[in-house]
């Protein structure tokens, strides 16, 4: 499956990125991920294999990752937020659950 983008009201959920146009590497490092490039690659593989779904919860005008949500296939979504990003996580988790329920 290709990554699914979700509009969650005040937040925009998208696939993780680590390329020349958009890089979530600094934000993932803030979240304590020690190898963010490998994490992005694993997130892409999870979507392709339909085994794990991962979203960057972003501020829609800047695309900045404020929180991160993951869900193993068949499991509930979980996440973590950067400093100041807890509201984005709280608002987006139920939206992701509705998406997962529709699979």
C-alpha atoms as a PDB file:
ATOM      1  CA  UNK A   1       0.000   0.000   0.000  1.00  0.00           C
ATOM      2  CA  UNK A   2       1.144   3.526  -0.720  1.00  0.00           C
ATOM      3  CA  UNK A   3       1.290   5.850   2.316  1.00  0.00           C
ATOM      4  CA  UNK A   4      -2.062   7.470   3.001  1.00  0.00           C
ATOM      5  CA  UNK A   5      -2.200  11.191   3.703  1.00  0.00           C
ATOM      6  CA  UNK A   6      -4.882  12.316   6.147  1.00  0.00           C
ATOM      7  CA  UNK A   7      -6.360  15.726   6.808  1.00  0.00           C
ATOM      8  CA  UNK A   8      -7.062  15.811  10.538  1.00  0.00           C
ATOM      9  CA  UNK A   9      -8.601  19.254  10.853  1.00  0.00           C
ATOM     10  CA  UNK A  10      -5.821  21.493  12.143  1.00  0.00           C
ATOM     11  CA  UNK A  11      -3.170  18.882  11.308  1.00  0.00           C
ATOM     12  CA  UNK A  12      -1.869  17.217   8.184  1.00  0.00           C
ATOM     13  CA  UNK A  13      -0.670  13.609   8.388  1.00  0.00           C
ATOM     14  CA  UNK A  14       1.789  12.396   5.789  1.00  0.00           C
ATOM     15  CA  UNK A  15       4.498   9.830   5.201  1.00  0.00           C
ATOM     16  CA  UNK A  16       7.898  10.467   6.726  1.00  0.00           C
ATOM     17  CA  UNK A  17      10.445  12.163   4.492  1.00  0.00           C
ATOM     18  CA  UNK A  18      14.217  12.334   4.343  1.00  0.00           C
ATOM     19  CA  UNK A  19      15.080  13.824   0.971  1.00  0.00           C
ATOM     20  CA  UNK A  20      16.392  17.022  -0.589  1.00  0.00           C
ATOM     21  CA  UNK A  21      12.983  18.764  -0.412  1.00  0.00           C
ATOM     22  CA  UNK A  22      11.697  17.753   3.021  1.00  0.00           C
ATOM     23  CA  UNK A  23      13.582  16.137   5.866  1.00  0.00           C
ATOM     24  CA  UNK A  24      12.046  14.896   9.084  1.00  0.00           C
ATOM     25  CA  UNK A  25      15.489  13.822  10.319  1.00  0.00           C
ATOM     26  CA  UNK A  26      15.923  16.706  12.822  1.00  0.00           C
ATOM     27  CA  UNK A  27      12.416  16.200  14.243  1.00  0.00           C
ATOM     28  CA  UNK A  28      12.900  12.439  14.540  1.00  0.00           C
ATOM     29  CA  UNK A  29      16.185  13.069  16.330  1.00  0.00           C
ATOM     30  CA  UNK A  30      14.281  15.343  18.758  1.00  0.00           C
ATOM     31  CA  UNK A  31      11.976  12.377  19.430  1.00  0.00           C
ATOM     32  CA  UNK A  32      14.977  10.240  20.416  1.00  0.00           C
ATOM     33  CA  UNK A  33      15.279   8.182  17.249  1.00  0.00           C
ATOM     34  CA  UNK A  34      18.991   7.435  16.948  1.00  0.00           C
ATOM     35  CA  UNK A  35      19.062   6.544  13.241  1.00  0.00           C
ATOM     36  CA  UNK A  36      16.315   8.671  11.682  1.00  0.00           C
ATOM     37  CA  UNK A  37      17.213   7.872   8.062  1.00  0.00           C
ATOM     38  CA  UNK A  38      16.924   4.140   8.745  1.00  0.00           C
ATOM     39  CA  UNK A  39      13.652   4.839  10.588  1.00  0.00           C
ATOM     40  CA  UNK A  40      12.238   6.600   7.501  1.00  0.00           C
ATOM     41  CA  UNK A  41      13.360   3.689   5.307  1.00  0.00           C
ATOM     42  CA  UNK A  42      11.700   1.209   7.687  1.00  0.00           C
ATOM     43  CA  UNK A  43       8.517   3.299   7.669  1.00  0.00           C
ATOM     44  CA  UNK A  44       8.438   3.173   3.865  1.00  0.00           C
ATOM     45  CA  UNK A  45       8.936  -0.600   3.967  1.00  0.00           C
ATOM     46  CA  UNK A  46       6.155  -0.976   6.539  1.00  0.00           C
ATOM     47  CA  UNK A  47       3.690   0.770   4.229  1.00  0.00           C
ATOM     48  CA  UNK A  48       4.803  -1.312   1.235  1.00  0.00           C
ATOM     49  CA  UNK A  49       4.449  -4.559   3.204  1.00  0.00           C
ATOM     50  CA  UNK A  50       1.241  -3.372   4.936  1.00  0.00           C
ATOM     51  CA  UNK A  51       2.794  -4.398   8.248  1.00  0.00           C
ATOM     52  CA  UNK A  52       3.253  -0.989   9.918  1.00  0.00           C
ATOM     53  CA  UNK A  53       1.803   2.423   9.174  1.00  0.00           C
ATOM     54  CA  UNK A  54       3.646   5.588  10.148  1.00  0.00           C
ATOM     55  CA  UNK A  55       2.612   9.239   9.940  1.00  0.00           C
ATOM     56  CA  UNK A  56       4.282  12.558  10.527  1.00  0.00           C
ATOM     57  CA  UNK A  57       1.657  14.783  12.141  1.00  0.00           C
ATOM     58  CA  UNK A  58       2.459  18.194  10.742  1.00  0.00           C
ATOM     59  CA  UNK A  59       1.549  21.831  10.962  1.00  0.00           C
ATOM     60  CA  UNK A  60      -0.138  22.245   7.557  1.00  0.00           C
ATOM     61  CA  UNK A  61       1.374  25.567   6.504  1.00  0.00           C
ATOM     62  CA  UNK A  62       4.997  24.613   7.188  1.00  0.00           C
ATOM     63  CA  UNK A  63       4.945  20.819   7.000  1.00  0.00           C
ATOM     64  CA  UNK A  64       6.937  20.666  10.246  1.00  0.00           C
ATOM     65  CA  UNK A  65       6.634  17.333  12.061  1.00  0.00           C
ATOM     66  CA  UNK A  66       5.118  17.997  15.484  1.00  0.00           C
ATOM     67  CA  UNK A  67       4.358  14.409  16.438  1.00  0.00           C
ATOM     68  CA  UNK A  68       4.745  10.874  15.149  1.00  0.00           C
ATOM     69  CA  UNK A  69       2.142   8.116  14.975  1.00  0.00           C
ATOM     70  CA  UNK A  70       2.755   4.447  14.221  1.00  0.00           C
ATOM     71  CA  UNK A  71       0.454   1.450  14.108  1.00  0.00           C
ATOM     72  CA  UNK A  72       1.302  -2.161  13.485  1.00  0.00           C
ATOM     73  CA  UNK A  73      -1.209  -3.862  11.200  1.00  0.00           C
ATOM     74  CA  UNK A  74      -4.174  -4.863  13.339  1.00  0.00           C
ATOM     75  CA  UNK A  75      -2.962  -2.887  16.340  1.00  0.00           C
ATOM     76  CA  UNK A  76      -3.866   0.456  17.862  1.00  0.00           C
ATOM     77  CA  UNK A  77      -2.008   3.631  16.934  1.00  0.00           C
ATOM     78  CA  UNK A  78       0.567   5.008  19.326  1.00  0.00           C
ATOM     79  CA  UNK A  79       2.661   8.110  19.148  1.00  0.00           C
ATOM     80  CA  UNK A  80       5.017  10.614  20.608  1.00  0.00           C
ATOM     81  CA  UNK A  81       5.149  14.388  20.408  1.00  0.00           C
ATOM     82  CA  UNK A  82       7.927  16.912  20.219  1.00  0.00           C
ATOM     83  CA  UNK A  83       7.956  19.746  22.755  1.00  0.00           C
ATOM     84  CA  UNK A  84       4.823  21.780  22.117  1.00  0.00           C
ATOM     85  CA  UNK A  85       3.297  19.111  19.869  1.00  0.00           C
ATOM     86  CA  UNK A  86       1.104  17.148  22.282  1.00  0.00           C
ATOM     87  CA  UNK A  87      -2.138  18.673  20.976  1.00  0.00           C
ATOM     88  CA  UNK A  88      -1.308  17.509  17.445  1.00  0.00           C
ATOM     89  CA  UNK A  89      -0.854  13.968  18.732  1.00  0.00           C
ATOM     90  CA  UNK A  90      -4.009  14.022  20.853  1.00  0.00           C
ATOM     91  CA  UNK A  91      -6.099  15.320  17.940  1.00  0.00           C
ATOM     92  CA  UNK A  92      -4.625  12.962  15.330  1.00  0.00           C
ATOM     93  CA  UNK A  93      -4.732   9.633  17.191  1.00  0.00           C
ATOM     94  CA  UNK A  94      -8.529   9.177  16.922  1.00  0.00           C
ATOM     95  CA  UNK A  95      -8.426  10.144  13.235  1.00  0.00           C
ATOM     96  CA  UNK A  96      -5.792   7.484  12.585  1.00  0.00           C
ATOM     97  CA  UNK A  97      -7.857   4.948  14.526  1.00  0.00           C
ATOM     98  CA  UNK A  98     -10.849   5.672  12.255  1.00  0.00           C
ATOM     99  CA  UNK A  99      -8.617   5.121   9.212  1.00  0.00           C
ATOM    100  CA  UNK A 100      -7.336   1.827  10.633  1.00  0.00           C
ATOM    101  CA  UNK A 101     -10.890   0.720  11.391  1.00  0.00           C
ATOM    102  CA  UNK A 102     -11.744   1.230   7.730  1.00  0.00           C
ATOM    103  CA  UNK A 103      -9.020  -1.143   6.483  1.00  0.00           C
END
